[in-house]
Amino acid sequence: MTVKELITKYEPYMVEMRRELHQHPEISLQEEWTSARICQELESAGIFYQVVGHRNVVGVVDSGKPGRSIAIRADFDALPMDELVDLPYKSKIKGAMHSCGHDAHTATLLGCGKVLNDLKDSFNGKVYLCFQIAEEVGAGADEIVAYLKEQGGVDEVIAVHVLGAEEVGTMVLPDGAMYAGNMGFKVTVKGVGGHGSRPDLAVDPLRPACDILLKIQAIPVNRHDPFETVVISPCMINGGTKNNIIPEACEIEGNIRFFRVGEGEELVGEIARMAEQIAATYGATVEVSHSSMALYPVVNTAESAQRGRALAKELGLTVLAPPNPNLASDNFADFLQAFGGFYASFGAHSHRPGTSGNHHNPTFDMDEAAMPLWGEFLAEYAYRFLQ
């Protein structure tokens, strides 16, 4: 049988799995049930697998013949939010929802695994089926990359993501930069608490915090090369417990989006220098910390992306002109930095009443008709790559 025939055979399975996963979402770093469920499905399909790191699962379809190797990645964490639309497969878990399509990524990769396992006698080398935890909080990818390196590495790694804004049958696969790197930061401004009636006897941390927030947000305009895209977004400010108490501290948290490797750390340093100087003028002090959500930008290997676009057109998909690089982030970048390959987006806009294609929104849903399209694309690409 061909890849297309097998994808058609397994389409009902992929849809059923997607709905089961959708009903049982687990937020990042809590994916116990989902990880175990993936293991059950791989075992049922006769596909060897290992649990890697903190509940990542990597299946291996091995032809038993020497050749190249390729990895396909799917993430499976959900988001901490309640689903608002009464879908037939609505989330059963309060405070958790698959509002970014990771359930469909995982279900489709399970289907691809079945397809490639059925065809393993007709190709050489290995396929690694990489199911990743905690993409939304920047975890999981490094553990799988380390595992793949221990196995001798792979020649390419590929993945797709749902694109809720575009129609089924479309895809985006650019050369070069696709998504930004993402560095989280936290600025803690420390003062001296006191009574609101005597600010002269206290050091109010709120005023320097507000000043710092406005100044660091302006770094891309005032202190950065305008030809290199950077966004600094302070998204939280927290301080105080009552309207007549000057607090001891105030916290600012946000994120930095960038496209040049290493720029996240550089900008954290700039934030720290600026915050220290501003705080000092108010008699306050600061502490600045940071965490990497996506250490690298997502950069597709041009040759791999070109092969992917050619295959997509052959399969009858509409390849959309790539927009400007997206300032969203994804630590699939770790895979591309290590091995090369591509990340593609597939249109899956939902027309179900009451739903939207807005990712991370409580009304998010997708058209499941897109799943066999990207399933065929991934499986066919891997199959040809290993021939």
Protein backbone atom coordinates (compact mmCIF):
# COMPACT_ATOMS: atom_id res chain seq x y z
CA MET A 1 0.00 0.00 0.00
CA THR A 2 1.04 3.61 -0.54
CA VAL A 3 1.48 6.26 2.14
CA LYS A 4 -1.74 7.94 0.99
CA GLU A 5 -3.71 4.68 1.17
CA LEU A 6 -2.41 3.96 4.65
CA ILE A 7 -3.13 7.50 5.87
CA THR A 8 -6.69 7.10 4.61
CA LYS A 9 -6.90 3.78 6.45
CA TYR A 10 -5.71 5.33 9.71
CA GLU A 11 -7.58 8.65 9.43
CA PRO A 12 -10.46 7.52 11.70
CA TYR A 13 -7.89 6.37 14.26
CA MET A 14 -6.13 9.77 14.22
CA VAL A 15 -9.40 11.67 14.65
CA GLU A 16 -10.51 9.38 17.47
CA MET A 17 -7.16 9.78 19.23
CA ARG A 18 -7.24 13.54 18.82
CA ARG A 19 -10.66 13.72 20.46
CA GLU A 20 -9.61 11.46 23.31
CA LEU A 21 -6.54 13.59 23.95
CA HIS A 22 -8.64 16.75 23.67
CA GLN A 23 -10.95 15.51 26.42
CA HIS A 24 -8.03 14.75 28.74
CA PRO A 25 -5.66 17.75 28.51
CA GLU A 26 -2.73 18.07 30.87
CA ILE A 27 -0.80 21.30 31.29
CA SER A 28 2.96 21.55 30.89
CA LEU A 29 5.09 19.33 33.14
CA GLN A 30 2.01 17.44 34.37
CA GLU A 31 1.47 15.17 31.35
CA GLU A 32 1.40 11.80 33.16
CA TRP A 33 -1.77 10.38 31.60
CA THR A 34 -0.93 11.62 28.09
CA SER A 35 2.59 10.22 28.18
CA ALA A 36 1.34 6.84 29.35
CA ARG A 37 -1.39 6.86 26.70
CA ILE A 38 1.16 7.47 23.94
CA CYS A 39 3.23 4.56 25.25
CA GLN A 40 0.15 2.31 25.15
CA GLU A 41 -0.55 3.20 21.53
CA LEU A 42 3.04 2.64 20.40
CA GLU A 43 3.15 -0.69 22.19
CA SER A 44 -0.15 -1.71 20.63
CA ALA A 45 1.26 -0.84 17.19
CA GLY A 46 4.38 -2.89 17.80
CA ILE A 47 6.65 0.15 17.76
CA PHE A 48 9.63 0.16 20.11
CA TYR A 49 9.72 3.22 22.38
CA GLN A 50 11.56 4.74 25.31
CA VAL A 51 10.49 7.32 27.89
CA VAL A 52 13.08 10.08 27.71
CA GLY A 53 13.71 12.62 30.47
CA HIS A 54 10.55 13.86 32.15
CA ARG A 55 7.85 11.86 30.31
CA ASN A 56 8.89 12.59 26.70
CA VAL A 57 8.29 9.50 24.56
CA VAL A 58 10.43 8.53 21.56
CA GLY A 59 9.28 5.70 19.29
CA VAL A 60 11.63 4.10 16.77
CA VAL A 61 10.57 2.61 13.45
CA ASP A 62 13.66 0.68 12.39
CA SER A 63 13.89 -0.86 8.95
CA GLY A 64 16.72 -3.09 10.14
CA LYS A 65 18.81 -1.89 7.20
CA PRO A 66 21.59 0.71 7.27
CA GLY A 67 20.67 4.14 5.99
CA ARG A 68 19.81 7.66 6.99
CA SER A 69 17.64 8.62 9.95
CA ILE A 70 14.95 11.23 10.39
CA ALA A 71 13.03 12.49 13.41
CA ILE A 72 9.44 13.77 13.45
CA ARG A 73 8.35 15.78 16.46
CA ALA A 74 4.93 16.41 18.03
CA ASP A 75 4.25 18.26 21.31
CA PHE A 76 1.47 17.16 23.67
CA ASP A 77 1.02 19.65 26.53
CA ALA A 78 -2.15 21.69 26.99
CA LEU A 79 -2.77 25.18 28.40
CA PRO A 80 -4.15 26.31 31.78
CA MET A 81 -7.57 27.59 30.72
CA ASP A 82 -11.19 26.46 30.63
CA GLU A 83 -12.80 25.54 27.30
CA LEU A 84 -15.89 27.68 26.59
CA VAL A 85 -17.49 25.93 23.59
CA ASP A 86 -19.60 22.81 24.20
CA LEU A 87 -17.94 20.56 21.62
CA PRO A 88 -18.81 16.84 21.56
CA TYR A 89 -15.21 16.25 22.70
CA LYS A 90 -14.95 19.18 25.12
CA SER A 91 -12.25 19.06 27.80
CA LYS A 92 -13.26 17.07 30.87
CA ILE A 93 -10.49 18.62 32.96
CA LYS A 94 -11.27 21.90 34.72
CA GLY A 95 -8.63 24.52 34.12
CA ALA A 96 -6.97 22.72 31.21
CA MET A 97 -7.60 22.85 27.46
CA HIS A 98 -5.90 21.91 24.21
CA SER A 99 -6.19 25.39 22.71
CA CYS A 100 -3.13 25.22 20.45
CA GLY A 101 -3.59 21.97 18.52
CA HIS A 102 -1.02 19.84 20.33
CA ASP A 103 -3.62 17.08 20.66
CA ALA A 104 -3.86 16.94 16.85
CA HIS A 105 -0.06 17.02 16.45
CA THR A 106 0.24 13.98 18.71
CA ALA A 107 -2.65 12.01 17.24
CA THR A 108 -1.34 12.58 13.72
CA LEU A 109 2.18 11.48 14.62
CA LEU A 110 0.76 8.29 16.12
CA GLY A 111 -0.96 7.69 12.76
CA CYS A 112 2.27 8.44 10.89
CA GLY A 113 4.04 5.94 13.10
CA LYS A 114 1.58 3.23 12.08
CA VAL A 115 1.99 4.12 8.40
CA LEU A 116 5.79 4.06 8.48
CA ASN A 117 5.84 0.90 10.56
CA ASP A 118 3.69 -0.80 7.90
CA LEU A 119 6.16 0.36 5.23
CA LYS A 120 9.45 -0.26 7.04
CA ASP A 121 10.43 -3.17 4.80
CA SER A 122 10.52 -0.80 1.82
CA PHE A 123 12.92 1.85 3.14
CA ASN A 124 16.33 1.99 4.81
CA GLY A 125 17.36 3.51 8.10
CA LYS A 126 15.23 4.71 11.02
CA VAL A 127 12.43 7.07 11.89
CA TYR A 128 12.32 8.57 15.40
CA LEU A 129 8.81 9.52 16.53
CA CYS A 130 9.43 12.26 19.10
CA PHE A 131 6.55 13.11 21.45
CA GLN A 132 7.54 16.16 23.51
CA ILE A 133 6.25 17.44 26.83
CA ALA A 134 5.98 21.05 27.98
CA GLU A 135 6.66 23.00 24.78
CA GLU A 136 4.52 25.85 26.12
CA VAL A 137 7.00 26.46 28.96
CA GLY A 138 10.17 25.84 26.97
CA ALA A 139 10.93 22.33 28.26
CA GLY A 140 11.26 18.84 26.81
CA ALA A 141 13.07 19.57 23.55
CA ASP A 142 16.55 19.61 25.09
CA GLU A 143 15.99 16.16 26.62
CA ILE A 144 14.96 14.61 23.31
CA VAL A 145 17.81 16.30 21.44
CA ALA A 146 20.27 14.88 23.97
CA TYR A 147 18.73 11.41 23.53
CA LEU A 148 18.97 11.60 19.74
CA LYS A 149 22.62 12.61 19.99
CA GLU A 150 23.24 9.59 22.22
CA GLN A 151 21.79 7.42 19.43
CA GLY A 152 24.25 8.90 16.95
CA GLY A 153 22.09 11.84 15.82
CA VAL A 154 19.68 12.16 12.91
CA ASP A 155 20.11 13.55 9.42
CA GLU A 156 17.02 15.77 9.59
CA VAL A 157 14.15 16.60 11.91
CA ILE A 158 10.73 17.81 10.75
CA ALA A 159 7.48 18.94 12.37
CA VAL A 160 4.27 20.79 11.64
CA HIS A 161 2.00 23.08 13.63
CA VAL A 162 -1.70 23.82 13.29
CA LEU A 163 -2.40 27.22 11.68
CA GLY A 164 -5.85 28.17 12.90
CA ALA A 165 -6.14 31.32 10.82
CA GLU A 166 -5.78 29.61 7.41
CA GLU A 167 -8.03 27.21 5.52
CA VAL A 168 -7.58 23.46 5.21
CA GLY A 169 -5.33 22.56 2.28
CA THR A 170 -2.90 25.44 2.79
CA MET A 171 0.54 25.43 4.34
CA VAL A 172 3.43 27.77 5.09
CA LEU A 173 7.03 26.56 4.85
CA PRO A 174 9.62 29.33 4.51
CA ASP A 175 13.37 29.16 4.13
CA GLY A 176 15.27 30.56 7.06
CA ALA A 177 13.71 32.29 10.07
CA MET A 178 10.16 31.28 10.93
CA TYR A 179 9.69 31.93 14.67
CA ALA A 180 11.61 34.01 17.18
CA GLY A 181 13.65 32.97 20.16
CA ASN A 182 12.03 33.74 23.51
CA MET A 183 13.70 34.76 26.76
CA GLY A 184 11.63 35.37 29.88
CA PHE A 185 12.79 37.94 32.44
CA LYS A 186 11.88 39.05 35.96
CA VAL A 187 12.83 42.34 37.60
CA THR A 188 12.35 42.53 41.37
CA VAL A 189 12.51 46.09 42.71
CA LYS A 190 13.23 46.21 46.43
CA GLY A 191 12.42 49.18 48.65
CA VAL A 192 11.47 49.76 52.29
CA GLY A 193 7.86 49.29 53.32
CA GLY A 194 5.89 51.77 55.37
CA HIS A 195 2.65 53.64 55.98
CA GLY A 196 1.04 55.44 53.07
CA SER A 197 0.83 58.61 55.15
CA ARG A 198 4.64 58.83 55.52
CA PRO A 199 6.31 58.00 52.20
CA ASP A 200 9.33 59.98 53.40
CA LEU A 201 10.05 57.21 55.92
CA ALA A 202 9.86 54.47 53.28
CA VAL A 203 11.37 53.66 49.89
CA ASP A 204 8.44 53.04 47.57
CA PRO A 205 9.33 50.32 45.00
CA LEU A 206 6.25 50.97 42.86
CA ARG A 207 7.46 54.23 41.33
CA PRO A 208 10.85 52.93 40.17
CA ALA A 209 9.14 49.75 38.93
CA CYS A 210 6.76 51.80 36.76
CA ASP A 211 9.68 53.85 35.47
CA ILE A 212 11.70 50.70 34.71
CA LEU A 213 8.78 49.09 32.89
CA LEU A 214 8.37 52.05 30.55
CA LYS A 215 12.09 52.44 29.93
CA ILE A 216 12.92 48.79 29.18
CA GLN A 217 9.99 48.50 26.79
CA ALA A 218 11.59 51.29 24.78
CA ILE A 219 14.95 49.51 24.42
CA PRO A 220 14.18 48.22 20.88
CA VAL A 221 13.48 51.79 19.73
CA ASN A 222 16.18 53.71 21.57
CA ARG A 223 19.06 51.32 22.20
CA HIS A 224 18.97 48.61 19.53
CA ASP A 225 19.80 48.14 15.85
CA PRO A 226 16.52 48.94 14.00
CA PHE A 227 17.38 46.41 11.28
CA GLU A 228 17.29 43.49 13.74
CA THR A 229 13.77 42.75 14.96
CA VAL A 230 13.40 42.61 18.73
CA VAL A 231 10.34 42.94 20.96
CA ILE A 232 10.50 43.44 24.73
CA SER A 233 7.12 42.97 26.42
CA PRO A 234 6.74 43.49 30.18
CA CYS A 235 3.46 41.65 30.67
CA MET A 236 3.06 41.57 34.48
CA ILE A 237 3.61 44.04 37.30
CA ASN A 238 2.89 43.01 40.84
CA GLY A 239 3.24 44.97 44.07
CA GLY A 240 1.29 45.90 47.16
CA THR A 241 -1.44 44.37 49.30
CA LYS A 242 -3.48 47.33 50.60
CA ASN A 243 -4.12 50.92 49.62
CA ASN A 244 -2.35 52.43 52.63
CA ILE A 245 0.71 50.15 52.78
CA ILE A 246 3.88 51.00 50.89
CA PRO A 247 5.16 47.53 49.88
CA GLU A 248 8.63 46.13 50.35
CA ALA A 249 8.95 45.00 46.73
CA CYS A 250 7.41 45.09 43.28
CA GLU A 251 7.95 42.57 40.48
CA ILE A 252 7.90 42.97 36.71
CA GLU A 253 7.81 39.93 34.43
CA GLY A 254 7.90 39.76 30.66
CA ASN A 255 9.55 38.27 27.60
CA ILE A 256 12.03 39.16 24.90
CA ARG A 257 11.59 37.98 21.29
CA PHE A 258 14.61 37.93 19.01
CA PHE A 259 16.06 36.39 15.83
CA ARG A 260 19.82 36.55 16.40
CA VAL A 261 21.25 33.69 18.45
CA GLY A 262 22.53 35.02 21.78
CA GLU A 263 20.58 38.26 21.65
CA GLY A 264 18.20 37.23 24.44
CA GLU A 265 21.02 37.08 26.98
CA GLU A 266 22.46 40.35 25.72
CA LEU A 267 19.13 42.14 26.18
CA VAL A 268 18.65 40.72 29.67
CA GLY A 269 22.01 42.32 30.48
CA GLU A 270 20.80 45.65 29.07
CA ILE A 271 17.60 45.41 31.13
CA ALA A 272 19.64 44.74 34.28
CA ARG A 273 21.96 47.72 33.69
CA MET A 274 19.06 50.07 33.00
CA ALA A 275 16.96 48.81 35.93
CA GLU A 276 19.85 49.18 38.39
CA GLN A 277 20.49 52.77 37.36
CA ILE A 278 16.81 53.76 37.51
CA ALA A 279 16.23 52.06 40.86
CA ALA A 280 19.27 53.78 42.35
CA THR A 281 17.80 57.23 41.63
CA TYR A 282 14.84 56.30 43.86
CA GLY A 283 16.98 54.75 46.58
CA ALA A 284 15.83 51.24 45.66
CA THR A 285 17.69 48.13 44.51
CA VAL A 286 16.87 45.48 41.91
CA GLU A 287 17.44 41.83 41.13
CA VAL A 288 17.09 40.61 37.54
CA SER A 289 16.69 36.96 36.57
CA HIS A 290 15.86 35.23 33.31
CA SER A 291 14.73 31.90 31.88
CA SER A 292 14.91 30.55 28.36
CA MET A 293 11.56 29.63 26.78
CA ALA A 294 13.17 29.10 23.37
CA LEU A 295 16.91 29.61 23.42
CA TYR A 296 17.10 29.80 19.62
CA PRO A 297 14.87 31.19 16.87
CA VAL A 298 13.24 28.61 14.60
CA VAL A 299 15.35 28.64 11.42
CA ASN A 300 14.51 26.22 8.63
CA THR A 301 17.29 24.66 6.56
CA ALA A 302 16.73 26.07 3.07
CA GLU A 303 17.39 22.80 1.23
CA SER A 304 15.01 20.85 3.48
CA ALA A 305 12.31 23.51 3.19
CA GLN A 306 12.61 23.50 -0.60
CA ARG A 307 12.12 19.73 -0.69
CA GLY A 308 9.14 20.09 1.61
CA ARG A 309 7.48 22.74 -0.56
CA ALA A 310 8.02 20.65 -3.70
CA LEU A 311 6.37 17.65 -2.02
CA ALA A 312 3.50 19.78 -0.76
CA LYS A 313 2.72 21.03 -4.25
CA GLU A 314 2.93 17.49 -5.59
CA LEU A 315 0.37 16.43 -2.96
CA GLY A 316 -2.01 19.17 -4.09
CA LEU A 317 -1.51 21.56 -1.18
CA THR A 318 -1.51 25.32 -1.61
CA VAL A 319 1.82 26.66 -0.40
CA LEU A 320 1.20 30.20 0.82
CA ALA A 321 3.76 32.92 0.34
CA PRO A 322 5.62 33.13 3.64
CA PRO A 323 4.71 36.13 5.78
CA ASN A 324 7.32 38.04 7.70
CA PRO A 325 8.92 35.88 10.41
CA ASN A 326 6.51 35.35 13.29
CA LEU A 327 7.41 36.63 16.75
CA ALA A 328 5.83 33.59 18.34
CA SER A 329 8.35 31.05 19.59
CA ASP A 330 8.74 27.28 19.82
CA ASN A 331 11.61 25.29 21.26
CA PHE A 332 11.47 22.99 18.27
CA ALA A 333 14.30 25.40 17.47
CA ASP A 334 16.52 23.18 19.64
CA PHE A 335 16.04 20.32 17.17
CA LEU A 336 16.78 22.50 14.15
CA GLN A 337 19.84 24.01 15.79
CA ALA A 338 21.19 20.51 16.45
CA PHE A 339 20.27 18.65 13.26
CA GLY A 340 18.66 20.88 10.61
CA GLY A 341 15.32 20.29 8.90
CA PHE A 342 12.10 22.29 8.82
CA TYR A 343 8.99 23.41 10.67
CA ALA A 344 5.81 23.92 8.63
CA SER A 345 2.36 25.32 9.46
CA PHE A 346 -0.83 23.73 8.13
CA GLY A 347 -4.13 25.55 7.70
CA ALA A 348 -6.93 24.07 9.82
CA HIS A 349 -9.44 26.88 10.35
CA SER A 350 -12.59 25.79 12.16
CA HIS A 351 -15.99 26.83 10.82
CA ARG A 352 -17.92 25.16 13.65
CA PRO A 353 -20.31 27.78 15.14
CA GLY A 354 -18.93 29.40 18.26
CA THR A 355 -15.35 28.31 17.66
CA SER A 356 -12.37 30.26 16.40
CA GLY A 357 -8.95 29.63 14.99
CA ASN A 358 -7.39 31.88 17.63
CA HIS A 359 -4.63 29.95 19.37
CA HIS A 360 -4.54 30.10 23.19
CA ASN A 361 -8.18 31.21 23.16
CA PRO A 362 -10.97 29.38 25.08
CA THR A 363 -12.99 29.11 21.84
CA PHE A 364 -10.17 27.50 19.83
CA ASP A 365 -10.92 24.51 17.65
CA MET A 366 -9.60 23.17 14.36
CA ASP A 367 -10.89 21.37 11.30
CA GLU A 368 -9.83 17.73 11.63
CA ALA A 369 -9.84 17.38 7.83
CA ALA A 370 -6.36 18.92 7.96
CA MET A 371 -4.90 16.04 9.95
CA PRO A 372 -4.65 13.45 7.14
CA LEU A 373 -3.16 16.15 4.89
CA TRP A 374 -0.27 16.92 7.18
CA GLY A 375 -0.07 13.27 8.18
CA GLU A 376 0.45 12.30 4.54
CA PHE A 377 2.95 15.10 4.09
CA LEU A 378 5.07 14.06 7.08
CA ALA A 379 4.94 10.34 6.37
CA GLU A 380 5.62 10.75 2.63
CA TYR A 381 8.52 13.11 3.29
CA ALA A 382 10.09 10.69 5.77
CA TYR A 383 9.47 7.69 3.49
CA ARG A 384 11.15 9.33 0.50
CA PHE A 385 13.98 10.69 2.63
CA LEU A 386 14.84 7.13 3.70
CA GLN A 387 14.79 5.79 0.16
